[in-house]
Amino acid sequence: MSVRAVQLDFLHPAGRGSRLGPLLLIVGAIVALAALSYQRHLAQEVVAREAHISDMRGMASRSAPALSEQESDTPEVREQIKKANAVLQQMNVPWSELFAAIESAEGSNIALLAVQPDPRSRTLLLGGEARNLPAILGYMERLERTRRLRDVVLVTHELRSKEPGQPVAFALNAAWVESR
């Protein structure tokens, strides 16, 4: 067995690898520039969408002013103004804050079935079912601990003995606090 001598020539590289290297470098640089351009485009789009979301949140939190009646208005126009003001009051209810407070207080033993806000008196009527009376009382305590609901009162409760599991139907009344 004979060992062949290895010839190393560092000055004149031979083979396909030497021709392919510069081509791969150019292709890699083009791909890197394209990725950088796409990243900048995505960053600009994110900034634009965040600005749009901020505008939408501002519009959602803004309360619409009530319409006022004038002396020259006819009775029909005054009635329309009253209806429009009622709609504006419903629109000005802080829905997201109220739902967040209600959802943060929910438990596994409570099924909330109805939410009825009264914008004029700033009260909220909640209707639902619970496994038992202590579950309702615990739910009331959790609602009181939220920053948005106060003076939670059990208005009615009824044991439904003919239904499976004998749930307790209930209605709660609570006052909501506006955020500052």
N, C-alpha and C. Protein backbone atom coordinates (compact mmCIF):
# COMPACT_ATOMS: atom_id res chain seq x y z
N MET A 1 0.80 -1.17 0.00
CA MET A 1 0.00 0.00 0.00
C MET A 1 0.85 1.25 0.00
N SER A 2 0.55 2.09 -0.94
CA SER A 2 1.34 3.31 -1.01
C SER A 2 0.45 4.51 -0.74
N VAL A 3 0.99 5.46 -0.15
CA VAL A 3 0.27 6.69 0.19
C VAL A 3 0.62 7.73 -0.86
N ARG A 4 -0.42 8.32 -1.41
CA ARG A 4 -0.19 9.35 -2.41
C ARG A 4 0.15 10.66 -1.73
N ALA A 5 0.93 11.40 -2.39
CA ALA A 5 1.31 12.71 -1.87
C ALA A 5 0.18 13.70 -2.13
N VAL A 6 -0.09 14.50 -1.15
CA VAL A 6 -1.14 15.52 -1.26
C VAL A 6 -0.49 16.82 -1.67
N GLN A 7 -1.05 17.42 -2.72
CA GLN A 7 -0.52 18.70 -3.17
C GLN A 7 -1.46 19.81 -2.73
N LEU A 8 -0.95 20.75 -2.00
CA LEU A 8 -1.74 21.89 -1.54
C LEU A 8 -1.23 23.13 -2.25
N ASP A 9 -2.17 23.81 -2.94
CA ASP A 9 -1.81 25.04 -3.64
C ASP A 9 -2.79 26.11 -3.18
N PHE A 10 -2.36 26.96 -2.27
CA PHE A 10 -3.24 27.98 -1.72
C PHE A 10 -3.34 29.21 -2.60
N LEU A 11 -2.49 29.38 -3.54
CA LEU A 11 -2.53 30.54 -4.40
C LEU A 11 -3.52 30.40 -5.53
N HIS A 12 -3.68 29.21 -6.06
CA HIS A 12 -4.56 29.00 -7.20
C HIS A 12 -5.59 27.93 -6.85
N PRO A 13 -6.71 28.34 -6.23
CA PRO A 13 -7.71 27.32 -5.91
C PRO A 13 -8.33 26.77 -7.20
N ALA A 14 -8.55 25.50 -7.24
CA ALA A 14 -9.12 24.87 -8.42
C ALA A 14 -10.46 24.25 -8.05
N GLY A 15 -11.32 24.06 -9.02
CA GLY A 15 -12.58 23.38 -8.79
C GLY A 15 -13.77 24.33 -8.85
N ARG A 16 -14.95 23.74 -8.73
CA ARG A 16 -16.20 24.49 -8.84
C ARG A 16 -16.45 25.41 -7.64
N GLY A 17 -15.96 25.04 -6.49
CA GLY A 17 -16.22 25.82 -5.29
C GLY A 17 -15.74 27.25 -5.40
N SER A 18 -14.66 27.49 -6.09
CA SER A 18 -14.13 28.84 -6.19
C SER A 18 -15.00 29.71 -7.09
N ARG A 19 -15.68 29.15 -8.07
CA ARG A 19 -16.55 29.93 -8.96
C ARG A 19 -17.93 30.12 -8.34
N LEU A 20 -18.35 29.22 -7.50
CA LEU A 20 -19.69 29.27 -6.91
C LEU A 20 -19.75 30.23 -5.71
N GLY A 21 -18.67 30.45 -5.04
CA GLY A 21 -18.61 31.30 -3.85
C GLY A 21 -19.09 32.72 -4.10
N PRO A 22 -18.52 33.44 -5.06
CA PRO A 22 -18.98 34.82 -5.31
C PRO A 22 -20.45 34.89 -5.70
N LEU A 23 -20.92 33.91 -6.46
CA LEU A 23 -22.33 33.89 -6.85
C LEU A 23 -23.23 33.72 -5.62
N LEU A 24 -22.86 32.82 -4.72
CA LEU A 24 -23.64 32.63 -3.49
C LEU A 24 -23.60 33.88 -2.62
N LEU A 25 -22.49 34.57 -2.58
CA LEU A 25 -22.38 35.80 -1.81
C LEU A 25 -23.33 36.86 -2.35
N ILE A 26 -23.39 37.00 -3.67
CA ILE A 26 -24.28 37.99 -4.29
C ILE A 26 -25.74 37.63 -4.03
N VAL A 27 -26.11 36.35 -4.20
CA VAL A 27 -27.48 35.91 -3.95
C VAL A 27 -27.85 36.13 -2.48
N GLY A 28 -26.95 35.81 -1.56
CA GLY A 28 -27.20 36.02 -0.13
C GLY A 28 -27.41 37.48 0.21
N ALA A 29 -26.61 38.37 -0.41
CA ALA A 29 -26.76 39.80 -0.16
C ALA A 29 -28.10 40.31 -0.67
N ILE A 30 -28.53 39.82 -1.84
CA ILE A 30 -29.83 40.23 -2.40
C ILE A 30 -30.96 39.76 -1.49
N VAL A 31 -30.88 38.52 -1.02
CA VAL A 31 -31.92 37.99 -0.13
C VAL A 31 -31.95 38.79 1.18
N ALA A 32 -30.78 39.12 1.74
CA ALA A 32 -30.72 39.90 2.97
C ALA A 32 -31.33 41.28 2.78
N LEU A 33 -31.06 41.95 1.65
CA LEU A 33 -31.65 43.25 1.38
C LEU A 33 -33.16 43.16 1.21
N ALA A 34 -33.64 42.11 0.54
CA ALA A 34 -35.08 41.92 0.38
C ALA A 34 -35.75 41.69 1.73
N ALA A 35 -35.12 40.90 2.61
CA ALA A 35 -35.69 40.65 3.94
C ALA A 35 -35.71 41.92 4.76
N LEU A 36 -34.67 42.74 4.68
CA LEU A 36 -34.61 44.00 5.40
C LEU A 36 -35.70 44.95 4.90
N SER A 37 -35.90 45.01 3.60
CA SER A 37 -36.94 45.85 3.02
C SER A 37 -38.32 45.39 3.48
N TYR A 38 -38.56 44.10 3.49
CA TYR A 38 -39.85 43.56 3.93
C TYR A 38 -40.07 43.84 5.41
N GLN A 39 -39.03 43.73 6.22
CA GLN A 39 -39.15 44.01 7.65
C GLN A 39 -39.52 45.47 7.88
N ARG A 40 -38.91 46.39 7.13
CA ARG A 40 -39.26 47.81 7.25
C ARG A 40 -40.72 48.04 6.85
N HIS A 41 -41.16 47.39 5.79
CA HIS A 41 -42.55 47.51 5.36
C HIS A 41 -43.49 47.03 6.46
N LEU A 42 -43.18 45.89 7.07
CA LEU A 42 -44.03 45.36 8.15
C LEU A 42 -44.02 46.29 9.36
N ALA A 43 -42.89 46.87 9.69
CA ALA A 43 -42.81 47.79 10.82
C ALA A 43 -43.68 49.03 10.58
N GLN A 44 -43.66 49.55 9.35
CA GLN A 44 -44.50 50.69 9.01
C GLN A 44 -45.98 50.32 9.10
N GLU A 45 -46.32 49.13 8.65
CA GLU A 45 -47.71 48.67 8.71
C GLU A 45 -48.17 48.51 10.16
N VAL A 46 -47.31 48.00 11.02
CA VAL A 46 -47.64 47.85 12.44
C VAL A 46 -47.90 49.21 13.06
N VAL A 47 -47.05 50.19 12.75
CA VAL A 47 -47.24 51.54 13.30
C VAL A 47 -48.57 52.13 12.81
N ALA A 48 -48.88 51.94 11.55
CA ALA A 48 -50.14 52.47 11.01
C ALA A 48 -51.35 51.80 11.66
N ARG A 49 -51.28 50.49 11.86
CA ARG A 49 -52.41 49.79 12.48
C ARG A 49 -52.55 50.15 13.95
N GLU A 50 -51.44 50.34 14.65
CA GLU A 50 -51.52 50.77 16.05
C GLU A 50 -52.14 52.15 16.16
N ALA A 51 -51.81 53.04 15.24
CA ALA A 51 -52.42 54.37 15.23
C ALA A 51 -53.92 54.27 14.96
N HIS A 52 -54.30 53.38 14.04
CA HIS A 52 -55.73 53.18 13.75
C HIS A 52 -56.46 52.63 14.97
N ILE A 53 -55.85 51.67 15.66
CA ILE A 53 -56.47 51.10 16.86
C ILE A 53 -56.59 52.17 17.93
N SER A 54 -55.59 53.00 18.08
CA SER A 54 -55.64 54.08 19.07
C SER A 54 -56.77 55.06 18.74
N ASP A 55 -56.92 55.38 17.46
CA ASP A 55 -58.03 56.26 17.05
C ASP A 55 -59.38 55.61 17.35
N MET A 56 -59.49 54.32 17.06
CA MET A 56 -60.75 53.62 17.32
C MET A 56 -61.06 53.57 18.80
N ARG A 57 -60.05 53.34 19.63
CA ARG A 57 -60.27 53.33 21.09
C ARG A 57 -60.71 54.71 21.56
N GLY A 58 -60.11 55.74 21.00
CA GLY A 58 -60.50 57.10 21.36
C GLY A 58 -61.95 57.38 20.98
N MET A 59 -62.35 56.90 19.82
CA MET A 59 -63.73 57.08 19.39
C MET A 59 -64.68 56.28 20.26
N ALA A 60 -64.26 55.09 20.67
CA ALA A 60 -65.12 54.25 21.50
C ALA A 60 -65.29 54.82 22.90
N SER A 61 -64.24 55.44 23.43
CA SER A 61 -64.33 55.97 24.79
C SER A 61 -64.95 57.37 24.83
N ARG A 62 -65.06 58.00 23.69
CA ARG A 62 -65.63 59.34 23.63
C ARG A 62 -67.14 59.26 23.82
N SER A 63 -67.68 60.13 24.62
CA SER A 63 -69.12 60.14 24.81
C SER A 63 -69.74 61.20 23.90
N ALA A 64 -70.85 60.83 23.31
CA ALA A 64 -71.54 61.73 22.40
C ALA A 64 -72.41 62.69 23.20
N PRO A 65 -72.40 63.96 22.84
CA PRO A 65 -73.20 64.94 23.59
C PRO A 65 -74.69 64.76 23.29
N ALA A 66 -75.51 65.09 24.25
CA ALA A 66 -76.95 64.99 24.08
C ALA A 66 -77.44 66.14 23.21
N LEU A 67 -78.51 65.88 22.49
CA LEU A 67 -79.12 66.90 21.66
C LEU A 67 -80.05 67.75 22.51
N SER A 68 -80.14 69.02 22.19
CA SER A 68 -81.01 69.90 22.98
C SER A 68 -82.18 70.37 22.12
N GLU A 69 -83.28 70.57 22.81
CA GLU A 69 -84.49 71.04 22.13
C GLU A 69 -84.45 72.56 22.03
N GLN A 70 -85.10 73.06 20.98
CA GLN A 70 -85.21 74.50 20.81
C GLN A 70 -86.68 74.89 20.85
N GLU A 71 -86.93 76.14 21.11
CA GLU A 71 -88.31 76.61 21.23
C GLU A 71 -89.08 76.48 19.93
N SER A 72 -88.39 76.58 18.80
CA SER A 72 -89.06 76.53 17.51
C SER A 72 -89.35 75.11 17.04
N ASP A 73 -88.92 74.09 17.79
CA ASP A 73 -89.13 72.71 17.38
C ASP A 73 -90.60 72.30 17.52
N THR A 74 -91.04 71.51 16.57
CA THR A 74 -92.40 70.98 16.62
C THR A 74 -92.44 69.81 17.61
N PRO A 75 -93.64 69.39 18.04
CA PRO A 75 -93.71 68.24 18.95
C PRO A 75 -93.10 66.97 18.36
N GLU A 76 -93.22 66.78 17.05
CA GLU A 76 -92.63 65.61 16.41
C GLU A 76 -91.10 65.65 16.50
N VAL A 77 -90.53 66.83 16.26
CA VAL A 77 -89.07 66.98 16.34
C VAL A 77 -88.61 66.77 17.77
N ARG A 78 -89.36 67.28 18.74
CA ARG A 78 -88.98 67.08 20.15
C ARG A 78 -89.01 65.60 20.52
N GLU A 79 -89.97 64.88 19.99
CA GLU A 79 -90.04 63.43 20.26
C GLU A 79 -88.85 62.72 19.62
N GLN A 80 -88.49 63.13 18.42
CA GLN A 80 -87.33 62.54 17.76
C GLN A 80 -86.04 62.84 18.53
N ILE A 81 -85.94 64.05 19.09
CA ILE A 81 -84.76 64.42 19.88
C ILE A 81 -84.69 63.56 21.13
N LYS A 82 -85.84 63.31 21.78
CA LYS A 82 -85.86 62.44 22.97
C LYS A 82 -85.40 61.03 22.62
N LYS A 83 -85.87 60.51 21.49
CA LYS A 83 -85.45 59.17 21.06
C LYS A 83 -83.96 59.15 20.74
N ALA A 84 -83.48 60.18 20.08
CA ALA A 84 -82.06 60.24 19.75
C ALA A 84 -81.20 60.31 21.01
N ASN A 85 -81.65 61.08 22.00
CA ASN A 85 -80.92 61.16 23.26
C ASN A 85 -80.91 59.83 24.00
N ALA A 86 -82.01 59.07 23.90
CA ALA A 86 -82.05 57.74 24.52
C ALA A 86 -81.03 56.82 23.85
N VAL A 87 -80.93 56.91 22.53
CA VAL A 87 -79.93 56.11 21.81
C VAL A 87 -78.52 56.55 22.20
N LEU A 88 -78.28 57.85 22.31
CA LEU A 88 -76.97 58.35 22.71
C LEU A 88 -76.60 57.87 24.11
N GLN A 89 -77.59 57.82 25.00
CA GLN A 89 -77.31 57.31 26.35
C GLN A 89 -76.87 55.85 26.30
N GLN A 90 -77.53 55.05 25.47
CA GLN A 90 -77.14 53.65 25.32
C GLN A 90 -75.74 53.54 24.73
N MET A 91 -75.42 54.41 23.78
CA MET A 91 -74.09 54.37 23.16
C MET A 91 -73.01 54.79 24.14
N ASN A 92 -73.36 55.65 25.09
CA ASN A 92 -72.37 56.15 26.04
C ASN A 92 -72.14 55.21 27.22
N VAL A 93 -72.83 54.09 27.26
CA VAL A 93 -72.60 53.11 28.33
C VAL A 93 -71.19 52.54 28.15
N PRO A 94 -70.39 52.50 29.21
CA PRO A 94 -69.02 51.97 29.09
C PRO A 94 -69.04 50.44 29.01
N TRP A 95 -69.48 49.92 27.88
CA TRP A 95 -69.70 48.48 27.73
C TRP A 95 -68.46 47.66 28.03
N SER A 96 -67.32 48.04 27.46
CA SER A 96 -66.12 47.21 27.64
C SER A 96 -65.71 47.16 29.10
N GLU A 97 -65.81 48.27 29.81
CA GLU A 97 -65.46 48.29 31.23
C GLU A 97 -66.43 47.45 32.05
N LEU A 98 -67.72 47.56 31.73
CA LEU A 98 -68.72 46.78 32.48
C LEU A 98 -68.54 45.29 32.23
N PHE A 99 -68.35 44.90 30.97
CA PHE A 99 -68.17 43.48 30.68
C PHE A 99 -66.89 42.94 31.30
N ALA A 100 -65.84 43.75 31.30
CA ALA A 100 -64.59 43.31 31.92
C ALA A 100 -64.77 43.09 33.42
N ALA A 101 -65.51 43.97 34.08
CA ALA A 101 -65.76 43.81 35.51
C ALA A 101 -66.61 42.57 35.78
N ILE A 102 -67.63 42.36 34.97
CA ILE A 102 -68.51 41.20 35.16
C ILE A 102 -67.73 39.91 34.91
N GLU A 103 -66.93 39.88 33.84
CA GLU A 103 -66.18 38.67 33.51
C GLU A 103 -65.10 38.37 34.55
N SER A 104 -64.53 39.40 35.15
CA SER A 104 -63.49 39.16 36.15
C SER A 104 -64.05 38.55 37.43
N ALA A 105 -65.35 38.72 37.66
CA ALA A 105 -65.97 38.21 38.89
C ALA A 105 -66.62 36.84 38.70
N GLU A 106 -66.74 36.36 37.47
CA GLU A 106 -67.45 35.10 37.23
C GLU A 106 -66.76 33.92 37.88
N GLY A 107 -67.56 32.93 38.21
CA GLY A 107 -67.06 31.70 38.79
C GLY A 107 -67.67 30.50 38.09
N SER A 108 -67.22 29.33 38.44
CA SER A 108 -67.70 28.12 37.77
C SER A 108 -69.11 27.73 38.20
N ASN A 109 -69.58 28.26 39.31
CA ASN A 109 -70.91 27.90 39.82
C ASN A 109 -71.98 28.91 39.42
N ILE A 110 -71.63 29.86 38.55
CA ILE A 110 -72.55 30.92 38.14
C ILE A 110 -72.72 30.88 36.62
N ALA A 111 -73.97 31.00 36.17
CA ALA A 111 -74.26 31.15 34.75
C ALA A 111 -75.02 32.46 34.58
N LEU A 112 -74.37 33.45 34.00
CA LEU A 112 -74.99 34.75 33.79
C LEU A 112 -75.84 34.69 32.52
N LEU A 113 -77.10 35.06 32.63
CA LEU A 113 -78.02 34.94 31.50
C LEU A 113 -78.48 36.28 30.93
N ALA A 114 -78.42 37.36 31.72
CA ALA A 114 -78.90 38.65 31.25
C ALA A 114 -78.10 39.78 31.87
N VAL A 115 -77.85 40.81 31.06
CA VAL A 115 -77.20 42.04 31.53
C VAL A 115 -78.02 43.19 30.98
N GLN A 116 -78.63 43.98 31.89
CA GLN A 116 -79.47 45.08 31.47
C GLN A 116 -79.01 46.37 32.15
N PRO A 117 -78.31 47.23 31.43
CA PRO A 117 -77.88 48.50 32.02
C PRO A 117 -78.99 49.54 31.94
N ASP A 118 -79.02 50.43 32.92
CA ASP A 118 -79.92 51.59 32.89
C ASP A 118 -79.03 52.82 32.92
N PRO A 119 -78.80 53.45 31.74
CA PRO A 119 -77.86 54.57 31.68
C PRO A 119 -78.28 55.77 32.54
N ARG A 120 -79.57 55.98 32.69
CA ARG A 120 -80.02 57.14 33.46
C ARG A 120 -79.63 57.03 34.93
N SER A 121 -79.86 55.89 35.52
CA SER A 121 -79.56 55.72 36.94
C SER A 121 -78.19 55.11 37.18
N ARG A 122 -77.46 54.79 36.09
CA ARG A 122 -76.14 54.16 36.18
C ARG A 122 -76.18 52.88 37.01
N THR A 123 -77.23 52.09 36.76
CA THR A 123 -77.35 50.80 37.43
C THR A 123 -77.35 49.69 36.40
N LEU A 124 -77.13 48.50 36.91
CA LEU A 124 -77.00 47.32 36.07
C LEU A 124 -77.80 46.20 36.71
N LEU A 125 -78.65 45.54 35.94
CA LEU A 125 -79.41 44.39 36.42
C LEU A 125 -78.81 43.15 35.79
N LEU A 126 -78.38 42.23 36.64
CA LEU A 126 -77.78 40.98 36.19
C LEU A 126 -78.70 39.83 36.56
N GLY A 127 -79.01 38.97 35.60
CA GLY A 127 -79.83 37.80 35.86
C GLY A 127 -79.08 36.54 35.51
N GLY A 128 -79.30 35.48 36.28
CA GLY A 128 -78.60 34.24 35.99
C GLY A 128 -79.04 33.11 36.89
N GLU A 129 -78.27 32.04 36.86
CA GLU A 129 -78.53 30.87 37.68
C GLU A 129 -77.23 30.46 38.37
N ALA A 130 -77.40 29.88 39.56
CA ALA A 130 -76.25 29.41 40.32
C ALA A 130 -76.58 28.03 40.88
N ARG A 131 -75.54 27.31 41.27
CA ARG A 131 -75.74 25.97 41.84
C ARG A 131 -76.41 26.05 43.20
N ASN A 132 -76.07 27.12 43.96
CA ASN A 132 -76.65 27.27 45.29
C ASN A 132 -76.55 28.74 45.72
N LEU A 133 -77.15 29.05 46.86
CA LEU A 133 -77.16 30.42 47.36
C LEU A 133 -75.76 30.91 47.75
N PRO A 134 -74.92 30.08 48.40
CA PRO A 134 -73.56 30.57 48.70
C PRO A 134 -72.77 30.97 47.44
N ALA A 135 -73.01 30.32 46.31
CA ALA A 135 -72.34 30.70 45.07
C ALA A 135 -72.77 32.11 44.65
N ILE A 136 -74.03 32.44 44.84
CA ILE A 136 -74.53 33.78 44.51
C ILE A 136 -73.88 34.81 45.41
N LEU A 137 -73.81 34.52 46.70
CA LEU A 137 -73.22 35.46 47.65
C LEU A 137 -71.74 35.68 47.36
N GLY A 138 -71.04 34.62 46.99
CA GLY A 138 -69.63 34.77 46.60
C GLY A 138 -69.48 35.61 45.35
N TYR A 139 -70.39 35.43 44.39
CA TYR A 139 -70.38 36.21 43.16
C TYR A 139 -70.61 37.69 43.47
N MET A 140 -71.53 37.94 44.40
CA MET A 140 -71.80 39.33 44.79
C MET A 140 -70.55 39.97 45.41
N GLU A 141 -69.85 39.22 46.24
CA GLU A 141 -68.61 39.74 46.84
C GLU A 141 -67.56 40.04 45.77
N ARG A 142 -67.43 39.14 44.79
CA ARG A 142 -66.44 39.37 43.73
C ARG A 142 -66.82 40.59 42.89
N LEU A 143 -68.11 40.79 42.65
CA LEU A 143 -68.54 41.98 41.90
C LEU A 143 -68.22 43.25 42.68
N GLU A 144 -68.42 43.21 44.00
CA GLU A 144 -68.13 44.38 44.84
C GLU A 144 -66.65 44.73 44.80
N ARG A 145 -65.78 43.73 44.64
CA ARG A 145 -64.34 43.96 44.64
C ARG A 145 -63.84 44.57 43.34
N THR A 146 -64.64 44.53 42.29
CA THR A 146 -64.21 45.18 41.04
C THR A 146 -64.25 46.69 41.24
N ARG A 147 -63.51 47.39 40.43
CA ARG A 147 -63.47 48.85 40.57
C ARG A 147 -64.65 49.52 39.87
N ARG A 148 -65.42 48.79 39.11
CA ARG A 148 -66.49 49.39 38.31
C ARG A 148 -67.89 49.19 38.90
N LEU A 149 -68.09 48.22 39.76
CA LEU A 149 -69.43 47.94 40.29
C LEU A 149 -69.45 48.13 41.80
N ARG A 150 -70.52 48.78 42.29
CA ARG A 150 -70.70 49.03 43.71
C ARG A 150 -72.15 48.75 44.09
N ASP A 151 -72.38 48.62 45.38
CA ASP A 151 -73.74 48.45 45.94
C ASP A 151 -74.48 47.29 45.27
N VAL A 152 -73.85 46.13 45.23
CA VAL A 152 -74.47 44.95 44.62
C VAL A 152 -75.52 44.40 45.59
N VAL A 153 -76.75 44.26 45.10
CA VAL A 153 -77.87 43.84 45.93
C VAL A 153 -78.57 42.67 45.25
N LEU A 154 -78.93 41.66 46.05
CA LEU A 154 -79.71 40.53 45.55
C LEU A 154 -81.17 40.96 45.51
N VAL A 155 -81.71 41.10 44.31
CA VAL A 155 -83.08 41.57 44.14
C VAL A 155 -84.06 40.41 44.33
N THR A 156 -83.83 39.30 43.63
CA THR A 156 -84.69 38.12 43.76
C THR A 156 -83.83 36.87 43.66
N HIS A 157 -84.36 35.81 44.25
CA HIS A 157 -83.77 34.48 44.06
C HIS A 157 -84.87 33.44 44.20
N GLU A 158 -84.73 32.34 43.45
CA GLU A 158 -85.76 31.31 43.45
C GLU A 158 -85.10 29.95 43.23
N LEU A 159 -85.38 29.02 44.12
CA LEU A 159 -84.87 27.66 43.97
C LEU A 159 -85.75 26.93 42.96
N ARG A 160 -85.15 26.42 41.93
CA ARG A 160 -85.91 25.68 40.90
C ARG A 160 -85.76 24.19 41.19
N SER A 161 -86.61 23.71 42.07
CA SER A 161 -86.49 22.33 42.56
C SER A 161 -86.89 21.29 41.51
N LYS A 162 -87.63 21.67 40.50
CA LYS A 162 -88.06 20.70 39.49
C LYS A 162 -87.03 20.52 38.38
N GLU A 163 -86.02 21.38 38.32
CA GLU A 163 -84.99 21.27 37.29
C GLU A 163 -83.83 20.42 37.80
N PRO A 164 -83.10 19.76 36.89
CA PRO A 164 -81.96 18.94 37.31
C PRO A 164 -80.90 19.79 38.02
N GLY A 165 -80.41 19.30 39.13
CA GLY A 165 -79.39 20.01 39.90
C GLY A 165 -79.95 21.08 40.80
N GLN A 166 -81.22 21.35 40.72
CA GLN A 166 -81.93 22.36 41.51
C GLN A 166 -81.18 23.70 41.55
N PRO A 167 -81.03 24.36 40.40
CA PRO A 167 -80.32 25.64 40.39
C PRO A 167 -81.13 26.74 41.07
N VAL A 168 -80.45 27.79 41.42
CA VAL A 168 -81.10 28.95 42.02
C VAL A 168 -81.05 30.08 40.99
N ALA A 169 -82.23 30.52 40.55
CA ALA A 169 -82.31 31.67 39.65
C ALA A 169 -82.18 32.94 40.49
N PHE A 170 -81.48 33.94 39.96
CA PHE A 170 -81.27 35.16 40.74
C PHE A 170 -81.28 36.38 39.85
N ALA A 171 -81.49 37.51 40.49
CA ALA A 171 -81.34 38.82 39.84
C ALA A 171 -80.59 39.72 40.81
N LEU A 172 -79.56 40.38 40.30
CA LEU A 172 -78.75 41.30 41.09
C LEU A 172 -78.86 42.69 40.52
N ASN A 173 -78.78 43.66 41.37
CA ASN A 173 -78.75 45.05 40.94
C ASN A 173 -77.44 45.64 41.44
N ALA A 174 -76.75 46.41 40.60
CA ALA A 174 -75.48 47.02 40.98
C ALA A 174 -75.38 48.39 40.34
N ALA A 175 -74.68 49.28 41.01
CA ALA A 175 -74.39 50.60 40.46
C ALA A 175 -73.01 50.57 39.83
N TRP A 176 -72.86 51.19 38.66
CA TRP A 176 -71.54 51.20 38.05
C TRP A 176 -70.89 52.55 38.26
N VAL A 177 -69.58 52.51 38.35
CA VAL A 177 -68.77 53.70 38.60
C VAL A 177 -68.04 54.03 37.31
N GLU A 178 -68.13 55.28 36.88
CA GLU A 178 -67.43 55.72 35.67
C GLU A 178 -65.93 55.77 35.91
N SER A 179 -65.15 55.43 34.88
CA SER A 179 -63.70 55.54 35.00
C SER A 179 -63.30 57.00 34.88
N ARG A 180 -62.24 57.34 35.53
CA ARG A 180 -61.79 58.74 35.51
C ARG A 180 -60.53 58.87 34.72
